[in-house]
Amino acid sequence: MAREDLIELEGTITDVHPGGLFTVKLDQGPDI
């Protein structure tokens, strides 16, 4: 998938997981 196909959203980091994963609370939606 090309980078142009991605939907850009903003959010805040709420949790840090091992292995370089983060939980992000989006401004207009759920946690991802």
Full PDB file with SEQRES, HELIX, SHEET, SSBOND, CRYST1, ORIGX, SCALE, CONECT and MASTER records, all heavy atoms in Angstrom:
SEQRES   1 A   32  MET ALA ARG GLU ASP LEU ILE GLU LEU GLU GLY THR ILE          
SEQRES   2 A   32  THR ASP VAL HIS PRO GLY GLY LEU PHE THR VAL LYS LEU          
SEQRES   3 A   32  ASP GLN GLY PRO ASP ILE                                      
HELIX    1 AA1 ARG A    3  ASP A    5  5                                   3    
SHEET    1 AA1 2 GLY A  11  HIS A  17  0                                        
SHEET    2 AA1 2 LEU A  21  LEU A  26 -1                                        
CRYST1    1.000    1.000    1.000  90.00  90.00  90.00 P 1           1          
ORIGX1      1.000000  0.000000  0.000000        0.00000                         
ORIGX2      0.000000  1.000000  0.000000        0.00000                         
ORIGX3      0.000000  0.000000  1.000000        0.00000                         
SCALE1      1.000000  0.000000  0.000000        0.00000                         
SCALE2      0.000000  1.000000  0.000000        0.00000                         
SCALE3      0.000000  0.000000  1.000000        0.00000                         
ATOM      1  N   MET A   1       0.846  -1.180   0.000  1.00  0.00           N  
ATOM      2  CA  MET A   1       0.000   0.000   0.000  1.00  0.00           C  
ATOM      3  C   MET A   1       0.891   1.243   0.000  1.00  0.00           C  
ATOM      4  O   MET A   1       1.830   1.347   0.778  1.00  0.00           O  
ATOM      5  CB  MET A   1      -0.894  -0.019   1.237  1.00  0.00           C  
ATOM      6  CG  MET A   1      -1.663   1.246   1.427  1.00  0.00           C  
ATOM      7  SD  MET A   1      -2.830   1.163   2.771  1.00  0.00           S  
ATOM      8  CE  MET A   1      -3.991   0.068   2.061  1.00  0.00           C  
ATOM      9  N   ALA A   2       0.604   2.174  -0.867  1.00  0.00           N  
ATOM     10  CA  ALA A   2       1.378   3.404  -0.954  1.00  0.00           C  
ATOM     11  C   ALA A   2       1.027   4.332   0.196  1.00  0.00           C  
ATOM     12  O   ALA A   2      -0.046   4.258   0.780  1.00  0.00           O  
ATOM     13  CB  ALA A   2       1.093   4.094  -2.285  1.00  0.00           C  
ATOM     14  N   ARG A   3       1.945   5.198   0.527  1.00  0.00           N  
ATOM     15  CA  ARG A   3       1.727   6.121   1.635  1.00  0.00           C  
ATOM     16  C   ARG A   3       0.591   7.097   1.340  1.00  0.00           C  
ATOM     17  O   ARG A   3      -0.045   7.614   2.235  1.00  0.00           O  
ATOM     18  CB  ARG A   3       3.009   6.877   1.939  1.00  0.00           C  
ATOM     19  CG  ARG A   3       2.930   7.643   3.225  1.00  0.00           C  
ATOM     20  CD  ARG A   3       4.260   8.117   3.725  1.00  0.00           C  
ATOM     21  NE  ARG A   3       5.178   7.062   4.031  1.00  0.00           N  
ATOM     22  CZ  ARG A   3       5.391   6.592   5.252  1.00  0.00           C  
ATOM     23  NH1 ARG A   3       4.743   7.080   6.256  1.00  0.00           N  
ATOM     24  NH2 ARG A   3       6.272   5.642   5.462  1.00  0.00           N  
ATOM     25  N   GLU A   4       0.297   7.344   0.060  1.00  0.00           N  
ATOM     26  CA  GLU A   4      -0.790   8.251  -0.294  1.00  0.00           C  
ATOM     27  C   GLU A   4      -2.156   7.669   0.053  1.00  0.00           C  
ATOM     28  O   GLU A   4      -3.127   8.391   0.178  1.00  0.00           O  
ATOM     29  CB  GLU A   4      -0.757   8.580  -1.790  1.00  0.00           C  
ATOM     30  CG  GLU A   4       0.471   9.304  -2.244  1.00  0.00           C  
ATOM     31  CD  GLU A   4       1.619   8.357  -2.571  1.00  0.00           C  
ATOM     32  OE1 GLU A   4       1.361   7.218  -3.000  1.00  0.00           O  
ATOM     33  OE2 GLU A   4       2.770   8.751  -2.367  1.00  0.00           O  
ATOM     34  N   ASP A   5      -2.240   6.343   0.198  1.00  0.00           N  
ATOM     35  CA  ASP A   5      -3.507   5.691   0.504  1.00  0.00           C  
ATOM     36  C   ASP A   5      -3.883   5.782   1.975  1.00  0.00           C  
ATOM     37  O   ASP A   5      -5.016   5.483   2.338  1.00  0.00           O  
ATOM     38  CB  ASP A   5      -3.458   4.212   0.114  1.00  0.00           C  
ATOM     39  CG  ASP A   5      -3.315   4.035  -1.382  1.00  0.00           C  
ATOM     40  OD1 ASP A   5      -3.627   4.986  -2.122  1.00  0.00           O  
ATOM     41  OD2 ASP A   5      -2.891   2.951  -1.803  1.00  0.00           O  
ATOM     42  N   LEU A   6      -2.944   6.174   2.839  1.00  0.00           N  
ATOM     43  CA  LEU A   6      -3.212   6.221   4.269  1.00  0.00           C  
ATOM     44  C   LEU A   6      -4.036   7.449   4.638  1.00  0.00           C  
ATOM     45  O   LEU A   6      -3.902   8.515   4.038  1.00  0.00           O  
ATOM     46  CB  LEU A   6      -1.895   6.235   5.054  1.00  0.00           C  
ATOM     47  CG  LEU A   6      -1.001   5.018   4.886  1.00  0.00           C  
ATOM     48  CD1 LEU A   6       0.290   5.210   5.674  1.00  0.00           C  
ATOM     49  CD2 LEU A   6      -1.708   3.768   5.335  1.00  0.00           C  
ATOM     50  N   ILE A   7      -4.860   7.299   5.660  1.00  0.00           N  
ATOM     51  CA  ILE A   7      -5.652   8.405   6.191  1.00  0.00           C  
ATOM     52  C   ILE A   7      -4.869   9.016   7.349  1.00  0.00           C  
ATOM     53  O   ILE A   7      -4.505   8.315   8.290  1.00  0.00           O  
ATOM     54  CB  ILE A   7      -7.016   7.901   6.690  1.00  0.00           C  
ATOM     55  CG1 ILE A   7      -7.778   7.232   5.545  1.00  0.00           C  
ATOM     56  CG2 ILE A   7      -7.824   9.035   7.304  1.00  0.00           C  
ATOM     57  CD1 ILE A   7      -8.976   6.436   6.003  1.00  0.00           C  
ATOM     58  N   GLU A   8      -4.571  10.317   7.280  1.00  0.00           N  
ATOM     59  CA  GLU A   8      -3.794  10.992   8.321  1.00  0.00           C  
ATOM     60  C   GLU A   8      -4.707  11.443   9.452  1.00  0.00           C  
ATOM     61  O   GLU A   8      -5.657  12.190   9.220  1.00  0.00           O  
ATOM     62  CB  GLU A   8      -3.075  12.219   7.743  1.00  0.00           C  
ATOM     63  CG  GLU A   8      -1.870  11.886   6.911  1.00  0.00           C  
ATOM     64  CD  GLU A   8      -0.683  11.452   7.744  1.00  0.00           C  
ATOM     65  OE1 GLU A   8      -0.489  11.978   8.844  1.00  0.00           O  
ATOM     66  OE2 GLU A   8       0.041  10.569   7.272  1.00  0.00           O  
ATOM     67  N   LEU A   9      -4.430  10.988  10.670  1.00  0.00           N  
ATOM     68  CA  LEU A   9      -5.168  11.383  11.862  1.00  0.00           C  
ATOM     69  C   LEU A   9      -4.199  11.839  12.929  1.00  0.00           C  
ATOM     70  O   LEU A   9      -3.025  11.468  12.905  1.00  0.00           O  
ATOM     71  CB  LEU A   9      -6.001  10.199  12.381  1.00  0.00           C  
ATOM     72  CG  LEU A   9      -7.032   9.613  11.420  1.00  0.00           C  
ATOM     73  CD1 LEU A   9      -7.613   8.339  12.007  1.00  0.00           C  
ATOM     74  CD2 LEU A   9      -8.123  10.604  11.139  1.00  0.00           C  
ATOM     75  N   GLU A  10      -4.688  12.630  13.890  1.00  0.00           N  
ATOM     76  CA  GLU A  10      -3.846  13.076  14.995  1.00  0.00           C  
ATOM     77  C   GLU A  10      -4.335  12.471  16.290  1.00  0.00           C  
ATOM     78  O   GLU A  10      -5.519  12.191  16.454  1.00  0.00           O  
ATOM     79  CB  GLU A  10      -3.856  14.604  15.090  1.00  0.00           C  
ATOM     80  CG  GLU A  10      -3.132  15.274  13.956  1.00  0.00           C  
ATOM     81  CD  GLU A  10      -2.856  16.723  14.241  1.00  0.00           C  
ATOM     82  OE1 GLU A  10      -2.903  17.137  15.415  1.00  0.00           O  
ATOM     83  OE2 GLU A  10      -2.595  17.449  13.280  1.00  0.00           O  
ATOM     84  N   GLY A  11      -3.380  12.276  17.208  1.00  0.00           N  
ATOM     85  CA  GLY A  11      -3.739  11.701  18.494  1.00  0.00           C  
ATOM     86  C   GLY A  11      -2.637  11.883  19.512  1.00  0.00           C  
ATOM     87  O   GLY A  11      -1.628  12.552  19.259  1.00  0.00           O  
ATOM     88  N   THR A  12      -2.819  11.268  20.674  1.00  0.00           N  
ATOM     89  CA  THR A  12      -1.885  11.365  21.787  1.00  0.00           C  
ATOM     90  C   THR A  12      -1.459   9.964  22.207  1.00  0.00           C  
ATOM     91  O   THR A  12      -2.286   9.062  22.293  1.00  0.00           O  
ATOM     92  CB  THR A  12      -2.555  12.070  22.979  1.00  0.00           C  
ATOM     93  OG1 THR A  12      -3.056  13.328  22.544  1.00  0.00           O  
ATOM     94  CG2 THR A  12      -1.570  12.294  24.111  1.00  0.00           C  
ATOM     95  N   ILE A  13      -0.172   9.802  22.507  1.00  0.00           N  
ATOM     96  CA  ILE A  13       0.345   8.519  22.974  1.00  0.00           C  
ATOM     97  C   ILE A  13      -0.168   8.292  24.396  1.00  0.00           C  
ATOM     98  O   ILE A  13       0.051   9.109  25.281  1.00  0.00           O  
ATOM     99  CB  ILE A  13       1.882   8.512  22.972  1.00  0.00           C  
ATOM    100  CG1 ILE A  13       2.439   8.786  21.588  1.00  0.00           C  
ATOM    101  CG2 ILE A  13       2.412   7.197  23.534  1.00  0.00           C  
ATOM    102  CD1 ILE A  13       2.203   7.699  20.594  1.00  0.00           C  
ATOM    103  N   THR A  14      -0.873   7.166  24.604  1.00  0.00           N  
ATOM    104  CA  THR A  14      -1.411   6.870  25.933  1.00  0.00           C  
ATOM    105  C   THR A  14      -0.721   5.695  26.603  1.00  0.00           C  
ATOM    106  O   THR A  14      -0.817   5.562  27.817  1.00  0.00           O  
ATOM    107  CB  THR A  14      -2.920   6.566  25.862  1.00  0.00           C  
ATOM    108  OG1 THR A  14      -3.137   5.470  24.976  1.00  0.00           O  
ATOM    109  CG2 THR A  14      -3.692   7.783  25.392  1.00  0.00           C  
ATOM    110  N   ASP A  15      -0.045   4.848  25.820  1.00  0.00           N  
ATOM    111  CA  ASP A  15       0.623   3.689  26.407  1.00  0.00           C  
ATOM    112  C   ASP A  15       1.765   3.273  25.501  1.00  0.00           C  
ATOM    113  O   ASP A  15       1.671   3.386  24.279  1.00  0.00           O  
ATOM    114  CB  ASP A  15      -0.371   2.539  26.577  1.00  0.00           C  
ATOM    115  CG  ASP A  15       0.109   1.481  27.554  1.00  0.00           C  
ATOM    116  OD1 ASP A  15       1.101   1.743  28.257  1.00  0.00           O  
ATOM    117  OD2 ASP A  15      -0.504   0.408  27.610  1.00  0.00           O  
ATOM    118  N   VAL A  16       2.852   2.795  26.126  1.00  0.00           N  
ATOM    119  CA  VAL A  16       4.028   2.335  25.386  1.00  0.00           C  
ATOM    120  C   VAL A  16       4.182   0.840  25.635  1.00  0.00           C  
ATOM    121  O   VAL A  16       4.177   0.398  26.775  1.00  0.00           O  
ATOM    122  CB  VAL A  16       5.293   3.093  25.846  1.00  0.00           C  
ATOM    123  CG1 VAL A  16       6.506   2.619  25.077  1.00  0.00           C  
ATOM    124  CG2 VAL A  16       5.106   4.588  25.693  1.00  0.00           C  
ATOM    125  N   HIS A  17       4.307   0.078  24.549  1.00  0.00           N  
ATOM    126  CA  HIS A  17       4.453  -1.374  24.634  1.00  0.00           C  
ATOM    127  C   HIS A  17       5.842  -1.777  24.151  1.00  0.00           C  
ATOM    128  O   HIS A  17       6.467  -1.051  23.379  1.00  0.00           O  
ATOM    129  CB  HIS A  17       3.396  -2.063  23.769  1.00  0.00           C  
ATOM    130  CG  HIS A  17       1.995  -1.707  24.129  1.00  0.00           C  
ATOM    131  ND1 HIS A  17       1.378  -2.172  25.257  1.00  0.00           N  
ATOM    132  CD2 HIS A  17       1.100  -0.901  23.520  1.00  0.00           C  
ATOM    133  CE1 HIS A  17       0.152  -1.693  25.315  1.00  0.00           C  
ATOM    134  NE2 HIS A  17      -0.042  -0.900  24.263  1.00  0.00           N  
ATOM    135  N   PRO A  18       6.328  -2.951  24.562  1.00  0.00           N  
ATOM    136  CA  PRO A  18       7.620  -3.411  24.052  1.00  0.00           C  
ATOM    137  C   PRO A  18       7.557  -3.707  22.552  1.00  0.00           C  
ATOM    138  O   PRO A  18       6.493  -3.994  22.010  1.00  0.00           O  
ATOM    139  CB  PRO A  18       7.886  -4.705  24.835  1.00  0.00           C  
ATOM    140  CG  PRO A  18       6.723  -4.939  25.701  1.00  0.00           C  
ATOM    141  CD  PRO A  18       5.753  -3.832  25.543  1.00  0.00           C  
ATOM    142  N   GLY A  19       8.708  -3.625  21.917  1.00  0.00           N  
ATOM    143  CA  GLY A  19       8.775  -3.929  20.496  1.00  0.00           C  
ATOM    144  C   GLY A  19       8.433  -2.758  19.601  1.00  0.00           C  
ATOM    145  O   GLY A  19       8.170  -2.950  18.416  1.00  0.00           O  
ATOM    146  N   GLY A  20       8.409  -1.551  20.127  1.00  0.00           N  
ATOM    147  CA  GLY A  20       8.142  -0.384  19.299  1.00  0.00           C  
ATOM    148  C   GLY A  20       6.685  -0.142  18.995  1.00  0.00           C  
ATOM    149  O   GLY A  20       6.363   0.545  18.030  1.00  0.00           O  
ATOM    150  N   LEU A  21       5.772  -0.694  19.791  1.00  0.00           N  
ATOM    151  CA  LEU A  21       4.348  -0.456  19.608  1.00  0.00           C  
ATOM    152  C   LEU A  21       3.851   0.578  20.607  1.00  0.00           C  
ATOM    153  O   LEU A  21       4.330   0.646  21.738  1.00  0.00           O  
ATOM    154  CB  LEU A  21       3.552  -1.749  19.793  1.00  0.00           C  
ATOM    155  CG  LEU A  21       3.640  -2.763  18.671  1.00  0.00           C  
ATOM    156  CD1 LEU A  21       2.876  -4.018  19.061  1.00  0.00           C  
ATOM    157  CD2 LEU A  21       3.101  -2.207  17.386  1.00  0.00           C  
ATOM    158  N   PHE A  22       2.883   1.371  20.167  1.00  0.00           N  
ATOM    159  CA  PHE A  22       2.301   2.408  21.001  1.00  0.00           C  
ATOM    160  C   PHE A  22       0.786   2.338  20.893  1.00  0.00           C  
ATOM    161  O   PHE A  22       0.250   1.964  19.852  1.00  0.00           O  
ATOM    162  CB  PHE A  22       2.755   3.799  20.531  1.00  0.00           C  
ATOM    163  CG  PHE A  22       4.248   3.994  20.600  1.00  0.00           C  
ATOM    164  CD1 PHE A  22       5.045   3.694  19.519  1.00  0.00           C  
ATOM    165  CD2 PHE A  22       4.834   4.486  21.747  1.00  0.00           C  
ATOM    166  CE1 PHE A  22       6.411   3.872  19.568  1.00  0.00           C  
ATOM    167  CE2 PHE A  22       6.201   4.673  21.816  1.00  0.00           C  
ATOM    168  CZ  PHE A  22       6.990   4.358  20.724  1.00  0.00           C  
ATOM    169  N   THR A  23       0.099   2.716  21.968  1.00  0.00           N  
ATOM    170  CA  THR A  23      -1.344   2.902  21.911  1.00  0.00           C  
ATOM    171  C   THR A  23      -1.585   4.390  21.746  1.00  0.00           C  
ATOM    172  O   THR A  23      -1.074   5.195  22.508  1.00  0.00           O  
ATOM    173  CB  THR A  23      -2.024   2.394  23.199  1.00  0.00           C  
ATOM    174  OG1 THR A  23      -1.714   1.020  23.355  1.00  0.00           O  
ATOM    175  CG2 THR A  23      -3.518   2.568  23.117  1.00  0.00           C  
ATOM    176  N   VAL A  24      -2.355   4.750  20.719  1.00  0.00           N  
ATOM    177  CA  VAL A  24      -2.619   6.144  20.394  1.00  0.00           C  
ATOM    178  C   VAL A  24      -4.111   6.402  20.554  1.00  0.00           C  
ATOM    179  O   VAL A  24      -4.939   5.710  19.975  1.00  0.00           O  
ATOM    180  CB  VAL A  24      -2.180   6.477  18.954  1.00  0.00           C  
ATOM    181  CG1 VAL A  24      -2.465   7.925  18.622  1.00  0.00           C  
ATOM    182  CG2 VAL A  24      -0.713   6.159  18.754  1.00  0.00           C  
ATOM    183  N   LYS A  25      -4.456   7.418  21.361  1.00  0.00           N  
ATOM    184  CA  LYS A  25      -5.840   7.862  21.511  1.00  0.00           C  
ATOM    185  C   LYS A  25      -6.082   8.926  20.450  1.00  0.00           C  
ATOM    186  O   LYS A  25      -5.525  10.026  20.508  1.00  0.00           O  
ATOM    187  CB  LYS A  25      -6.067   8.428  22.914  1.00  0.00           C  
ATOM    188  CG  LYS A  25      -7.413   9.083  23.112  1.00  0.00           C  
ATOM    189  CD  LYS A  25      -8.528   8.071  23.040  1.00  0.00           C  
ATOM    190  CE  LYS A  25      -9.847   8.768  23.348  1.00  0.00           C  
ATOM    191  NZ  LYS A  25     -10.974   8.013  22.901  1.00  0.00           N  
ATOM    192  N   LEU A  26      -6.888   8.587  19.447  1.00  0.00           N  
ATOM    193  CA  LEU A  26      -7.163   9.525  18.365  1.00  0.00           C  
ATOM    194  C   LEU A  26      -8.093  10.630  18.829  1.00  0.00           C  
ATOM    195  O   LEU A  26      -8.928  10.425  19.702  1.00  0.00           O  
ATOM    196  CB  LEU A  26      -7.784   8.783  17.179  1.00  0.00           C  
ATOM    197  CG  LEU A  26      -6.921   7.706  16.537  1.00  0.00           C  
ATOM    198  CD1 LEU A  26      -7.699   7.012  15.434  1.00  0.00           C  
ATOM    199  CD2 LEU A  26      -5.641   8.292  15.996  1.00  0.00           C  
ATOM    200  N   ASP A  27      -7.960  11.818  18.228  1.00  0.00           N  
ATOM    201  CA  ASP A  27      -8.811  12.950  18.574  1.00  0.00           C  
ATOM    202  C   ASP A  27     -10.271  12.675  18.233  1.00  0.00           C  
ATOM    203  O   ASP A  27     -11.169  13.099  18.932  1.00  0.00           O  
ATOM    204  CB  ASP A  27      -8.357  14.210  17.835  1.00  0.00           C  
ATOM    205  CG  ASP A  27      -6.996  14.690  18.321  1.00  0.00           C  
ATOM    206  OD1 ASP A  27      -6.581  14.283  19.424  1.00  0.00           O  
ATOM    207  OD2 ASP A  27      -6.367  15.459  17.586  1.00  0.00           O  
ATOM    208  N   GLN A  28     -10.500  11.962  17.137  1.00  0.00           N  
ATOM    209  CA  GLN A  28     -11.869  11.754  16.664  1.00  0.00           C  
ATOM    210  C   GLN A  28     -12.230  10.281  16.589  1.00  0.00           C  
ATOM    211  O   GLN A  28     -12.893   9.849  15.655  1.00  0.00           O  
ATOM    212  CB  GLN A  28     -12.039  12.401  15.294  1.00  0.00           C  
ATOM    213  CG  GLN A  28     -10.869  12.119  14.386  1.00  0.00           C  
ATOM    214  CD  GLN A  28     -10.994  12.778  13.065  1.00  0.00           C  
ATOM    215  OE1 GLN A  28     -11.554  12.180  12.189  1.00  0.00           O  
ATOM    216  NE2 GLN A  28     -10.490  13.982  12.909  1.00  0.00           N  
ATOM    217  N   GLY A  29     -11.804   9.512  17.575  1.00  0.00           N  
ATOM    218  CA  GLY A  29     -12.140   8.101  17.504  1.00  0.00           C  
ATOM    219  C   GLY A  29     -11.551   7.282  18.624  1.00  0.00           C  
ATOM    220  O   GLY A  29     -11.154   7.807  19.656  1.00  0.00           O  
ATOM    221  N   PRO A  30     -11.459   5.970  18.396  1.00  0.00           N  
ATOM    222  CA  PRO A  30     -11.014   5.052  19.442  1.00  0.00           C  
ATOM    223  C   PRO A  30      -9.494   4.999  19.572  1.00  0.00           C  
ATOM    224  O   PRO A  30      -8.766   5.676  18.849  1.00  0.00           O  
ATOM    225  CB  PRO A  30     -11.552   3.716  18.952  1.00  0.00           C  
ATOM    226  CG  PRO A  30     -11.504   3.841  17.464  1.00  0.00           C  
ATOM    227  CD  PRO A  30     -11.854   5.281  17.183  1.00  0.00           C  
ATOM    228  N   ASP A  31      -9.016   4.147  20.480  1.00  0.00           N  
ATOM    229  CA  ASP A  31      -7.586   3.886  20.614  1.00  0.00           C  
ATOM    230  C   ASP A  31      -7.158   2.916  19.514  1.00  0.00           C  
ATOM    231  O   ASP A  31      -7.902   2.015  19.156  1.00  0.00           O  
ATOM    232  CB  ASP A  31      -7.285   3.236  21.966  1.00  0.00           C  
ATOM    233  CG  ASP A  31      -7.539   4.190  23.128  1.00  0.00           C  
ATOM    234  OD1 ASP A  31      -7.744   5.390  22.867  1.00  0.00           O  
ATOM    235  OD2 ASP A  31      -7.515   3.730  24.267  1.00  0.00           O  
ATOM    236  N   ILE A  32      -5.957   3.111  18.981  1.00  0.00           N  
ATOM    237  CA  ILE A  32      -5.412   2.194  17.986  1.00  0.00           C  
ATOM    238  C   ILE A  32      -3.987   1.827  18.372  1.00  0.00           C  
ATOM    239  O   ILE A  32      -3.340   2.540  19.146  1.00  0.00           O  
ATOM    240  CB  ILE A  32      -5.433   2.789  16.564  1.00  0.00           C  
ATOM    241  CG1 ILE A  32      -4.518   4.007  16.466  1.00  0.00           C  
ATOM    242  CG2 ILE A  32      -6.831   3.140  16.124  1.00  0.00           C  
ATOM    243  CD1 ILE A  32      -4.263   4.453  15.049  1.00  0.00           C  
TER     244      ILE A  32                                                      
MASTER        0    0    0    1    2    0    0    6  243    1    0    3          
END                                                                             
